[in-house]
């Protein structure tokens, strides 16, 4: 019986030792993971200005492209309206001249 109790006590002590080792390993892994996370956060924080700069650069390029496109459309529409205005002016002058020359035909 004493032999059995000794073996049980030894097994229990080994089990407790394994549990303690496992807890220590878990704590070390947790500390390492937290360190890795902090490191990643610091790298990310350090890159924020670079990321923001790249975003702003792209946004500025898109805005400039949009402005150029709107300016091109405006210029095209302005030319079209001027052409139409000039044509209407010529038509109005022709009609006015025709009315002055031959008022009975109008």
Protein backbone atom coordinates (compact mmCIF):
# COMPACT_ATOMS: atom_id res chain seq x y z
CA UNK A 1 0.00 0.00 0.00
CA UNK A 2 2.82 2.41 0.86
CA UNK A 3 4.37 1.66 -2.52
CA UNK A 4 1.12 2.49 -4.26
CA UNK A 5 0.78 5.77 -2.32
CA UNK A 6 4.36 6.69 -3.18
CA UNK A 7 3.69 6.09 -6.88
CA UNK A 8 0.47 8.09 -6.73
CA UNK A 9 2.29 10.92 -4.95
CA UNK A 10 5.07 10.82 -7.57
CA UNK A 11 2.54 10.85 -10.39
CA UNK A 12 0.70 13.73 -8.75
CA UNK A 13 3.94 15.68 -8.32
CA UNK A 14 4.88 15.07 -11.96
CA UNK A 15 1.42 16.13 -13.04
CA UNK A 16 1.66 19.33 -10.98
CA UNK A 17 5.09 19.99 -12.48
CA UNK A 18 3.68 19.49 -15.99
CA UNK A 19 0.79 21.82 -15.18
CA UNK A 20 3.21 24.48 -13.91
CA UNK A 21 5.40 24.09 -16.99
CA UNK A 22 2.35 24.38 -19.22
CA UNK A 23 1.22 27.52 -17.37
CA UNK A 24 4.69 29.01 -17.73
CA UNK A 25 4.72 28.17 -21.45
CA UNK A 26 1.27 29.67 -21.85
CA UNK A 27 2.38 32.86 -20.10
CA UNK A 28 5.48 33.06 -22.30
CA UNK A 29 3.42 32.51 -25.45
CA UNK A 30 0.94 35.16 -24.29
CA UNK A 31 3.76 37.64 -23.58
CA UNK A 32 5.31 36.90 -26.96
CA UNK A 33 1.95 37.34 -28.73
CA UNK A 34 1.34 40.64 -26.95
CA UNK A 35 4.83 41.79 -27.93
CA UNK A 36 4.19 40.80 -31.54
CA UNK A 37 0.88 42.66 -31.54
CA UNK A 38 2.48 45.79 -30.06
CA UNK A 39 5.23 45.57 -32.63
CA UNK A 40 2.71 45.24 -35.45
CA UNK A 41 0.70 48.18 -34.09
CA UNK A 42 3.85 50.32 -33.92
CA UNK A 43 4.78 49.42 -37.51
CA UNK A 44 1.26 50.23 -38.63
CA UNK A 45 1.23 53.52 -36.72
CA UNK A 46 4.57 54.43 -38.26
CA UNK A 47 3.13 53.79 -41.73
CA UNK A 48 -0.01 55.89 -41.24
CA UNK A 49 1.58 59.06 -42.69
CA UNK A 50 2.83 57.06 -45.69
CA UNK A 51 -0.59 55.46 -46.21
CA UNK A 52 -2.36 58.79 -45.79
CA UNK A 53 0.09 60.45 -48.20
CA UNK A 54 -0.47 57.79 -50.84
CA UNK A 55 -4.24 58.07 -50.39
CA UNK A 56 -4.13 61.87 -50.65
CA UNK A 57 -1.93 61.63 -53.75
CA UNK A 58 -4.40 59.30 -55.44
CA UNK A 59 -7.36 61.41 -54.36
CA UNK A 60 -5.66 64.55 -55.71
CA UNK A 61 -4.93 62.80 -59.01
CA UNK A 62 -8.56 61.66 -59.31
CA UNK A 63 -9.82 65.13 -58.44
CA UNK A 64 -7.51 66.71 -61.04
CA UNK A 65 -8.67 64.22 -63.66
CA UNK A 66 -12.31 64.96 -62.82
CA UNK A 67 -11.69 68.70 -63.03
CA UNK A 68 -9.99 68.30 -66.44
CA UNK A 69 -12.90 66.19 -67.68
CA UNK A 70 -15.47 68.71 -66.43
CA UNK A 71 -13.47 71.56 -68.00
CA UNK A 72 -13.34 69.68 -71.31
CA UNK A 73 -17.11 69.10 -71.23
CA UNK A 74 -17.70 72.73 -70.30
CA UNK A 75 -15.50 73.91 -73.18
CA UNK A 76 -17.27 71.59 -75.63
CA UNK A 77 -20.69 72.76 -74.46
CA UNK A 78 -19.57 76.40 -74.56
CA UNK A 79 -18.36 75.98 -78.17
CA UNK A 80 -21.63 74.29 -79.09
CA UNK A 81 -23.69 77.08 -77.50
CA UNK A 82 -21.57 79.76 -79.20
CA UNK A 83 -21.97 78.00 -82.56
CA UNK A 84 -25.73 77.76 -82.02
CA UNK A 85 -25.87 81.40 -80.91
CA UNK A 86 -23.94 82.53 -83.98
CA UNK A 87 -26.22 80.46 -86.23
CA UNK A 88 -29.33 81.93 -84.58
CA UNK A 89 -27.85 85.40 -84.94
CA UNK A 90 -27.23 84.82 -88.69
CA UNK A 91 -30.77 83.43 -89.07
CA UNK A 92 -32.21 86.43 -87.23
CA UNK A 93 -30.21 88.88 -89.39
CA UNK A 94 -31.30 87.08 -92.57
CA UNK A 95 -34.91 87.16 -91.42
CA UNK A 96 -34.67 90.84 -90.47
CA UNK A 97 -33.04 91.73 -93.80
CA UNK A 98 -35.69 89.72 -95.65
CA UNK A 99 -38.43 91.55 -93.75
CA UNK A 100 -36.90 94.92 -94.57
CA UNK A 101 -36.37 94.12 -98.26
CA UNK A 102 -39.68 92.38 -98.87
CA UNK A 103 -42.06 93.02 -95.99
CA UNK A 104 -44.99 91.50 -97.88
CA UNK A 105 -43.37 88.01 -98.05
CA UNK A 106 -43.13 87.63 -94.29
